[in-house]
PDB file of N, CA and C in Angstrom:
ATOM      1  N   MET A   1       0.847  -1.160   0.000  1.00  0.00           N
ATOM      2  CA  MET A   1       0.000   0.000   0.000  1.00  0.00           C
ATOM      3  C   MET A   1       0.897   1.228   0.000  1.00  0.00           C
ATOM      4  N   PRO A   2       0.942   1.991  -1.081  1.00  0.00           N
ATOM      5  CA  PRO A   2       1.742   3.217  -1.080  1.00  0.00           C
ATOM      6  C   PRO A   2       1.070   4.246  -0.184  1.00  0.00           C
ATOM      7  N   VAL A   3       1.840   4.872   0.670  1.00  0.00           N
ATOM      8  CA  VAL A   3       1.271   5.843   1.597  1.00  0.00           C
ATOM      9  C   VAL A   3       1.950   7.186   1.431  1.00  0.00           C
ATOM     10  N   GLN A   4       1.231   8.223   1.786  1.00  0.00           N
ATOM     11  CA  GLN A   4       1.769   9.569   1.782  1.00  0.00           C
ATOM     12  C   GLN A   4       2.132   9.919   3.210  1.00  0.00           C
ATOM     13  N   THR A   5       3.169  10.722   3.373  1.00  0.00           N
ATOM     14  CA  THR A   5       3.468  11.256   4.692  1.00  0.00           C
ATOM     15  C   THR A   5       3.366  12.765   4.613  1.00  0.00           C
ATOM     16  N   VAL A   6       2.911  13.341   5.702  1.00  0.00           N
ATOM     17  CA  VAL A   6       2.727  14.786   5.776  1.00  0.00           C
ATOM     18  C   VAL A   6       3.530  15.294   6.958  1.00  0.00           C
ATOM     19  N   ASP A   7       4.382  16.284   6.709  1.00  0.00           N
ATOM     20  CA  ASP A   7       5.118  16.929   7.789  1.00  0.00           C
ATOM     21  C   ASP A   7       4.219  17.962   8.441  1.00  0.00           C
ATOM     22  N   SER A   8       4.233  17.984   9.758  1.00  0.00           N
ATOM     23  CA  SER A   8       3.469  18.987  10.494  1.00  0.00           C
ATOM     24  C   SER A   8       4.310  19.441  11.671  1.00  0.00           C
ATOM     25  N   PRO A   9       3.874  20.478  12.365  1.00  0.00           N
ATOM     26  CA  PRO A   9       4.642  20.958  13.522  1.00  0.00           C
ATOM     27  C   PRO A   9       4.802  19.900  14.618  1.00  0.00           C
ATOM     28  N   ILE A  10       3.916  18.903  14.637  1.00  0.00           N
ATOM     29  CA  ILE A  10       4.004  17.873  15.674  1.00  0.00           C
ATOM     30  C   ILE A  10       4.600  16.571  15.149  1.00  0.00           C
ATOM     31  N   GLY A  11       5.156  16.581  13.973  1.00  0.00           N
ATOM     32  CA  GLY A  11       5.813  15.390  13.451  1.00  0.00           C
ATOM     33  C   GLY A  11       5.265  14.957  12.105  1.00  0.00           C
ATOM     34  N   GLU A  12       5.720  13.791  11.684  1.00  0.00           N
ATOM     35  CA  GLU A  12       5.329  13.250  10.395  1.00  0.00           C
ATOM     36  C   GLU A  12       4.159  12.294  10.576  1.00  0.00           C
ATOM     37  N   HIS A  13       3.157  12.394   9.695  1.00  0.00           N
ATOM     38  CA  HIS A  13       1.971  11.550   9.779  1.00  0.00           C
ATOM     39  C   HIS A  13       1.771  10.801   8.472  1.00  0.00           C
ATOM     40  N   VAL A  14       1.344   9.555   8.582  1.00  0.00           N
ATOM     41  CA  VAL A  14       0.985   8.764   7.410  1.00  0.00           C
ATOM     42  C   VAL A  14      -0.455   9.110   7.055  1.00  0.00           C
ATOM     43  N   VAL A  15      -0.688   9.459   5.796  1.00  0.00           N
ATOM     44  CA  VAL A  15      -2.016   9.830   5.321  1.00  0.00           C
ATOM     45  C   VAL A  15      -2.501   8.751   4.358  1.00  0.00           C
ATOM     46  N   LEU A  16      -3.727   8.279   4.597  1.00  0.00           N
ATOM     47  CA  LEU A  16      -4.304   7.197   3.800  1.00  0.00           C
ATOM     48  C   LEU A  16      -5.453   7.704   2.941  1.00  0.00           C
ATOM     49  N   THR A  17      -5.689   7.028   1.833  1.00  0.00           N
ATOM     50  CA  THR A  17      -6.833   7.303   0.970  1.00  0.00           C
ATOM     51  C   THR A  17      -7.995   6.402   1.381  1.00  0.00           C
ATOM     52  N   VAL A  18      -9.147   6.608   0.762  1.00  0.00           N
ATOM     53  CA  VAL A  18     -10.306   5.748   1.016  1.00  0.00           C
ATOM     54  C   VAL A  18      -9.947   4.296   0.710  1.00  0.00           C
ATOM     55  N   ARG A  19      -9.275   4.074  -0.395  1.00  0.00           N
ATOM     56  CA  ARG A  19      -8.893   2.711  -0.774  1.00  0.00           C
ATOM     57  C   ARG A  19      -7.971   2.093   0.276  1.00  0.00           C
ATOM     58  N   ASP A  20      -7.001   2.876   0.752  1.00  0.00           N
ATOM     59  CA  ASP A  20      -6.077   2.390   1.782  1.00  0.00           C
ATOM     60  C   ASP A  20      -6.827   1.994   3.053  1.00  0.00           C
ATOM     61  N   VAL A  21      -7.746   2.864   3.494  1.00  0.00           N
ATOM     62  CA  VAL A  21      -8.500   2.602   4.724  1.00  0.00           C
ATOM     63  C   VAL A  21      -9.403   1.384   4.543  1.00  0.00           C
ATOM     64  N   ALA A  22     -10.041   1.274   3.383  1.00  0.00           N
ATOM     65  CA  ALA A  22     -10.900   0.114   3.119  1.00  0.00           C
ATOM     66  C   ALA A  22     -10.099  -1.178   3.212  1.00  0.00           C
ATOM     67  N   THR A  23      -8.919  -1.184   2.642  1.00  0.00           N
ATOM     68  CA  THR A  23      -8.059  -2.369   2.709  1.00  0.00           C
ATOM     69  C   THR A  23      -7.616  -2.621   4.144  1.00  0.00           C
ATOM     70  N   TYR A  24      -7.180  -1.585   4.827  1.00  0.00           N
ATOM     71  CA  TYR A  24      -6.677  -1.683   6.197  1.00  0.00           C
ATOM     72  C   TYR A  24      -7.745  -2.204   7.153  1.00  0.00           C
ATOM     73  N   LEU A  25      -8.984  -1.715   7.014  1.00  0.00           N
ATOM     74  CA  LEU A  25     -10.069  -2.115   7.911  1.00  0.00           C
ATOM     75  C   LEU A  25     -10.895  -3.280   7.373  1.00  0.00           C
ATOM     76  N   ARG A  26     -10.561  -3.723   6.157  1.00  0.00           N
ATOM     77  CA  ARG A  26     -11.298  -4.807   5.497  1.00  0.00           C
ATOM     78  C   ARG A  26     -12.777  -4.461   5.345  1.00  0.00           C
ATOM     79  N   LEU A  27     -13.003  -3.264   4.825  1.00  0.00           N
ATOM     80  CA  LEU A  27     -14.345  -2.775   4.534  1.00  0.00           C
ATOM     81  C   LEU A  27     -14.432  -2.432   3.052  1.00  0.00           C
ATOM     82  N   SER A  28     -15.648  -2.232   2.582  1.00  0.00           N
ATOM     83  CA  SER A  28     -15.797  -1.748   1.210  1.00  0.00           C
ATOM     84  C   SER A  28     -15.482  -0.257   1.185  1.00  0.00           C
ATOM     85  N   GLN A  29     -15.112   0.237   0.022  1.00  0.00           N
ATOM     86  CA  GLN A  29     -14.857   1.665  -0.119  1.00  0.00           C
ATOM     87  C   GLN A  29     -16.136   2.463   0.138  1.00  0.00           C
ATOM     88  N   ALA A  30     -17.279   1.932  -0.264  1.00  0.00           N
ATOM     89  CA  ALA A  30     -18.553   2.614  -0.032  1.00  0.00           C
ATOM     90  C   ALA A  30     -18.809   2.792   1.465  1.00  0.00           C
ATOM     91  N   LYS A  31     -18.478   1.784   2.251  1.00  0.00           N
ATOM     92  CA  LYS A  31     -18.655   1.869   3.707  1.00  0.00           C
ATOM     93  C   LYS A  31     -17.736   2.938   4.294  1.00  0.00           C
ATOM     94  N   VAL A  32     -16.494   3.017   3.821  1.00  0.00           N
ATOM     95  CA  VAL A  32     -15.556   4.025   4.309  1.00  0.00           C
ATOM     96  C   VAL A  32     -16.064   5.423   3.965  1.00  0.00           C
ATOM     97  N   TYR A  33     -16.558   5.623   2.735  1.00  0.00           N
ATOM     98  CA  TYR A  33     -17.134   6.908   2.348  1.00  0.00           C
ATOM     99  C   TYR A  33     -18.298   7.275   3.277  1.00  0.00           C
ATOM    100  N   ARG A  34     -19.172   6.312   3.554  1.00  0.00           N
ATOM    101  CA  ARG A  34     -20.333   6.571   4.413  1.00  0.00           C
ATOM    102  C   ARG A  34     -19.889   6.950   5.820  1.00  0.00           C
ATOM    103  N   LEU A  35     -18.935   6.204   6.390  1.00  0.00           N
ATOM    104  CA  LEU A  35     -18.434   6.510   7.731  1.00  0.00           C
ATOM    105  C   LEU A  35     -17.806   7.901   7.786  1.00  0.00           C
ATOM    106  N   ALA A  36     -17.080   8.266   6.742  1.00  0.00           N
ATOM    107  CA  ALA A  36     -16.441   9.584   6.692  1.00  0.00           C
ATOM    108  C   ALA A  36     -17.494  10.687   6.590  1.00  0.00           C
ATOM    109  N   ARG A  37     -18.462  10.529   5.691  1.00  0.00           N
ATOM    110  CA  ARG A  37     -19.515  11.540   5.521  1.00  0.00           C
ATOM    111  C   ARG A  37     -20.307  11.746   6.803  1.00  0.00           C
ATOM    112  N   GLU A  38     -20.570  10.655   7.531  1.00  0.00           N
ATOM    113  CA  GLU A  38     -21.364  10.724   8.757  1.00  0.00           C
ATOM    114  C   GLU A  38     -20.538  11.179   9.963  1.00  0.00           C
ATOM    115  N   GLY A  39     -19.225  11.331   9.778  1.00  0.00           N
ATOM    116  CA  GLY A  39     -18.371  11.773  10.876  1.00  0.00           C
ATOM    117  C   GLY A  39     -18.086  10.682  11.892  1.00  0.00           C
ATOM    118  N   CYS A  40     -18.283   9.438  11.505  1.00  0.00           N
ATOM    119  CA  CYS A  40     -18.063   8.311  12.420  1.00  0.00           C
ATOM    120  C   CYS A  40     -16.596   7.921  12.528  1.00  0.00           C
ATOM    121  N   VAL A  41     -15.817   8.269  11.537  1.00  0.00           N
ATOM    122  CA  VAL A  41     -14.394   7.928  11.498  1.00  0.00           C
ATOM    123  C   VAL A  41     -13.619   9.230  11.282  1.00  0.00           C
ATOM    124  N   PRO A  42     -12.457   9.385  11.935  1.00  0.00           N
ATOM    125  CA  PRO A  42     -11.700  10.629  11.754  1.00  0.00           C
ATOM    126  C   PRO A  42     -11.188  10.765  10.318  1.00  0.00           C
ATOM    127  N   ALA A  43     -11.597  11.851   9.666  1.00  0.00           N
ATOM    128  CA  ALA A  43     -11.248  12.059   8.257  1.00  0.00           C
ATOM    129  C   ALA A  43     -11.264  13.544   7.955  1.00  0.00           C
ATOM    130  N   PHE A  44     -10.658  13.910   6.844  1.00  0.00           N
ATOM    131  CA  PHE A  44     -10.719  15.290   6.384  1.00  0.00           C
ATOM    132  C   PHE A  44     -10.771  15.304   4.872  1.00  0.00           C
ATOM    133  N   ARG A  45     -11.307  16.406   4.343  1.00  0.00           N
ATOM    134  CA  ARG A  45     -11.407  16.555   2.897  1.00  0.00           C
ATOM    135  C   ARG A  45     -10.203  17.326   2.389  1.00  0.00           C
ATOM    136  N   LEU A  46      -9.679  16.862   1.296  1.00  0.00           N
ATOM    137  CA  LEU A  46      -8.609  17.554   0.582  1.00  0.00           C
ATOM    138  C   LEU A  46      -9.140  17.754  -0.827  1.00  0.00           C
ATOM    139  N   GLY A  47      -9.701  18.926  -1.079  1.00  0.00           N
ATOM    140  CA  GLY A  47     -10.421  19.120  -2.333  1.00  0.00           C
ATOM    141  C   GLY A  47     -11.676  18.278  -2.299  1.00  0.00           C
ATOM    142  N   ARG A  48     -11.832  17.415  -3.281  1.00  0.00           N
ATOM    143  CA  ARG A  48     -12.994  16.522  -3.331  1.00  0.00           C
ATOM    144  C   ARG A  48     -12.694  15.137  -2.790  1.00  0.00           C
ATOM    145  N   SER A  49     -11.474  14.922  -2.312  1.00  0.00           N
ATOM    146  CA  SER A  49     -11.048  13.602  -1.845  1.00  0.00           C
ATOM    147  C   SER A  49     -11.019  13.532  -0.323  1.00  0.00           C
ATOM    148  N   TRP A  50     -11.351  12.375   0.200  1.00  0.00           N
ATOM    149  CA  TRP A  50     -11.241  12.126   1.627  1.00  0.00           C
ATOM    150  C   TRP A  50      -9.842  11.607   1.939  1.00  0.00           C
ATOM    151  N   ARG A  51      -9.291  12.035   3.068  1.00  0.00           N
ATOM    152  CA  ARG A  51      -8.000  11.552   3.547  1.00  0.00           C
ATOM    153  C   ARG A  51      -8.124  11.224   5.025  1.00  0.00           C
ATOM    154  N   PHE A  52      -7.259  10.328   5.478  1.00  0.00           N
ATOM    155  CA  PHE A  52      -7.318   9.807   6.837  1.00  0.00           C
ATOM    156  C   PHE A  52      -5.903   9.705   7.391  1.00  0.00           C
ATOM    157  N   ARG A  53      -5.688  10.219   8.599  1.00  0.00           N
ATOM    158  CA  ARG A  53      -4.393  10.028   9.250  1.00  0.00           C
ATOM    159  C   ARG A  53      -4.398   8.660   9.908  1.00  0.00           C
ATOM    160  N   LYS A  54      -3.396   7.848   9.611  1.00  0.00           N
ATOM    161  CA  LYS A  54      -3.353   6.479  10.121  1.00  0.00           C
ATOM    162  C   LYS A  54      -3.348   6.438  11.639  1.00  0.00           C
ATOM    163  N   ASP A  55      -2.600   7.351  12.289  1.00  0.00           N
ATOM    164  CA  ASP A  55      -2.562   7.337  13.752  1.00  0.00           C
ATOM    165  C   ASP A  55      -3.946   7.601  14.345  1.00  0.00           C
ATOM    166  N   LEU A  56      -4.751   8.450  13.703  1.00  0.00           N
ATOM    167  CA  LEU A  56      -6.099   8.715  14.199  1.00  0.00           C
ATOM    168  C   LEU A  56      -7.038   7.545  13.931  1.00  0.00           C
ATOM    169  N   ILE A  57      -6.848   6.867  12.810  1.00  0.00           N
ATOM    170  CA  ILE A  57      -7.635   5.654  12.522  1.00  0.00           C
ATOM    171  C   ILE A  57      -7.324   4.583  13.561  1.00  0.00           C
ATOM    172  N   ASP A  58      -6.048   4.407  13.883  1.00  0.00           N
ATOM    173  CA  ASP A  58      -5.664   3.416  14.898  1.00  0.00           C
ATOM    174  C   ASP A  58      -6.273   3.752  16.253  1.00  0.00           C
ATOM    175  N   ALA A  59      -6.224   5.029  16.655  1.00  0.00           N
ATOM    176  CA  ALA A  59      -6.809   5.441  17.937  1.00  0.00           C
ATOM    177  C   ALA A  59      -8.325   5.237  17.929  1.00  0.00           C
ATOM    178  N   TRP A  60      -8.965   5.543  16.804  1.00  0.00           N
ATOM    179  CA  TRP A  60     -10.405   5.343  16.659  1.00  0.00           C
ATOM    180  C   TRP A  60     -10.758   3.864  16.820  1.00  0.00           C
ATOM    181  N   MET A  61      -9.970   2.979  16.200  1.00  0.00           N
ATOM    182  CA  MET A  61     -10.229   1.537  16.317  1.00  0.00           C
ATOM    183  C   MET A  61     -10.132   1.092  17.769  1.00  0.00           C
ATOM    184  N   ILE A  62      -9.137   1.588  18.497  1.00  0.00           N
ATOM    185  CA  ILE A  62      -8.971   1.220  19.906  1.00  0.00           C
ATOM    186  C   ILE A  62     -10.170   1.696  20.716  1.00  0.00           C
ATOM    187  N   ARG A  63     -10.605   2.948  20.500  1.00  0.00           N
ATOM    188  CA  ARG A  63     -11.774   3.466  21.228  1.00  0.00           C
ATOM    189  C   ARG A  63     -13.018   2.650  20.921  1.00  0.00           C
ATOM    190  N   GLU A  64     -13.232   2.328  19.656  1.00  0.00           N
ATOM    191  CA  GLU A  64     -14.406   1.549  19.275  1.00  0.00           C
ATOM    192  C   GLU A  64     -14.362   0.144  19.873  1.00  0.00           C
ATOM    193  N   THR A  65     -13.205  -0.463  19.862  1.00  0.00           N
ATOM    194  CA  THR A  65     -13.049  -1.801  20.433  1.00  0.00           C
ATOM    195  C   THR A  65     -13.311  -1.773  21.928  1.00  0.00           C
ATOM    196  N   ASP A  66     -12.730  -0.789  22.623  1.00  0.00           N
ATOM    197  CA  ASP A  66     -12.942  -0.663  24.059  1.00  0.00           C
ATOM    198  C   ASP A  66     -14.415  -0.436  24.383  1.00  0.00           C
ATOM    199  N   ALA A  67     -15.088   0.419  23.621  1.00  0.00           N
ATOM    200  CA  ALA A  67     -16.507   0.694  23.850  1.00  0.00           C
ATOM    201  C   ALA A  67     -17.334  -0.567  23.655  1.00  0.00           C
ATOM    202  N   ASN A  68     -17.020  -1.352  22.636  1.00  0.00           N
ATOM    203  CA  ASN A  68     -17.759  -2.592  22.384  1.00  0.00           C
ATOM    204  C   ASN A  68     -17.495  -3.613  23.473  1.00  0.00           C
ATOM    205  N   LEU A  69     -16.279  -3.677  23.994  1.00  0.00           N
ATOM    206  CA  LEU A  69     -15.966  -4.612  25.077  1.00  0.00           C
ATOM    207  C   LEU A  69     -16.711  -4.232  26.345  1.00  0.00           C
ATOM    208  N   ILE A  70     -16.810  -2.941  26.631  1.00  0.00           N
ATOM    209  CA  ILE A  70     -17.535  -2.486  27.818  1.00  0.00           C
ATOM    210  C   ILE A  70     -19.003  -2.863  27.701  1.00  0.00           C
ATOM    211  N   GLN A  71     -19.587  -2.730  26.520  1.00  0.00           N
ATOM    212  CA  GLN A  71     -20.991  -3.083  26.317  1.00  0.00           C
ATOM    213  C   GLN A  71     -21.211  -4.576  26.464  1.00  0.00           C
ATOM    214  N   LEU A  72     -20.233  -5.389  26.098  1.00  0.00           N
ATOM    215  CA  LEU A  72     -20.372  -6.843  26.168  1.00  0.00           C
ATOM    216  C   LEU A  72     -20.106  -7.392  27.560  1.00  0.00           C
ATOM    217  N   THR A  73     -19.352  -6.685  28.375  1.00  0.00           N
ATOM    218  CA  THR A  73     -18.958  -7.195  29.682  1.00  0.00           C
ATOM    219  C   THR A  73     -20.137  -7.620  30.542  1.00  0.00           C
ATOM    220  N   PRO A  74     -21.198  -6.821  30.732  1.00  0.00           N
ATOM    221  CA  PRO A  74     -22.325  -7.279  31.567  1.00  0.00           C
ATOM    222  C   PRO A  74     -22.959  -8.555  31.029  1.00  0.00           C
ATOM    223  N   ALA A  75     -23.040  -8.699  29.724  1.00  0.00           N
ATOM    224  CA  ALA A  75     -23.626  -9.906  29.144  1.00  0.00           C
ATOM    225  C   ALA A  75     -22.763 -11.131  29.436  1.00  0.00           C
ATOM    226  N   LEU A  76     -21.457 -10.946  29.502  1.00  0.00           N
ATOM    227  CA  LEU A  76     -20.565 -12.064  29.768  1.00  0.00           C
ATOM    228  C   LEU A  76     -20.625 -12.495  31.223  1.00  0.00           C
ATOM    229  N   GLU A  77     -20.980 -11.575  32.126  1.00  0.00           N
ATOM    230  CA  GLU A  77     -21.006 -11.897  33.549  1.00  0.00           C
ATOM    231  C   GLU A  77     -22.258 -12.661  33.942  1.00  0.00           C
ATOM    232  N   GLU A  78     -23.312 -12.632  33.138  1.00  0.00           N
ATOM    233  CA  GLU A  78     -24.566 -13.299  33.476  1.00  0.00           C
ATOM    234  C   GLU A  78     -24.451 -14.786  33.405  1.00  0.00           C
TER     235      GLU A  78
END
């Protein structure tokens, strides 16, 4: 997966395209577009294209996983 890096005042970030994120998360590109439009996944527009910082996608996955585990915990204790 070819990736872009962006220099910023806080360091270098890997920037992914919709296709990259779809492959990384094993989702369809349509699902990634929908999640981005709805604000469910951290993303930004660059012109007409969506872009995603990999570090923010990773943090989002951890938060979502933790939230789902917390919701499942009471069911597991029964």
